[in-house]
């Protein structure tokens, strides 16, 4: 059984794919999402073998969503678009496949045949952004998009990843690994990443150090990461 998630901000577009998949017993739709924030949570939770994702979505588009995925659990990706120029680019740069809206039934069947024979995650680094300019977050029952440049530091804890800005703390489904690789945030502790631009002071301690950010927050620095942090900031 190939488990899949459908991601499109248009309900009728999602339903079209569900209806097409109903004819194929070896594909199971385990979730459908109308935005990238919900999609990221569902992908991290269920780790599907396949996602159908619309390229053109508000706030966070399909390409940006792919860049946010945990590289250790990448699904196969079929892009969906109404714009042929995006589709050709996606296909030529290693996306498994793409479908143009409205979806042609014969074309859809061919895509499923390919998926049945090859389910190894593909390299999507050539089409997804190398750096994330915005992060999908949630505060209580509110979904928000936080600009990466506003983030002072992030912290991992039992409940996930907490994002701290001068405005308000929020949570994200992104992993520390993705944040470290695709944002300017740098490691200062096993559980913390910090923005170099947010650092105003580093106090050396017997156990390591402590950072003070522009908003006055205190962020721990372990001995393991202190040398690299000082070098990044231009200290010997």
Foldseek 3Di string as FASTA:
>chain_A
DFEEEEEALDPVQSVLVVVLCVVPPVYHYPYYYNDLQVVLVVCVVPLGQEYEAEQDDPPAGPLQSQLQHDPVRDHQYEYEYQDVVVQVVQVVQKRLYYAHPPGDSVVVVVSVVSCVVDRDHIDSVVRHDQADQWAWWDDVPRTDIGGLVQWFKWFQDPVGIWTDGLPDITHGSGHPVSCCRHGCWHDFDPGMTGHLVQFDDWAQDPQGIWTQGPSGDIDDGGNVCRVVSCVVNPHD
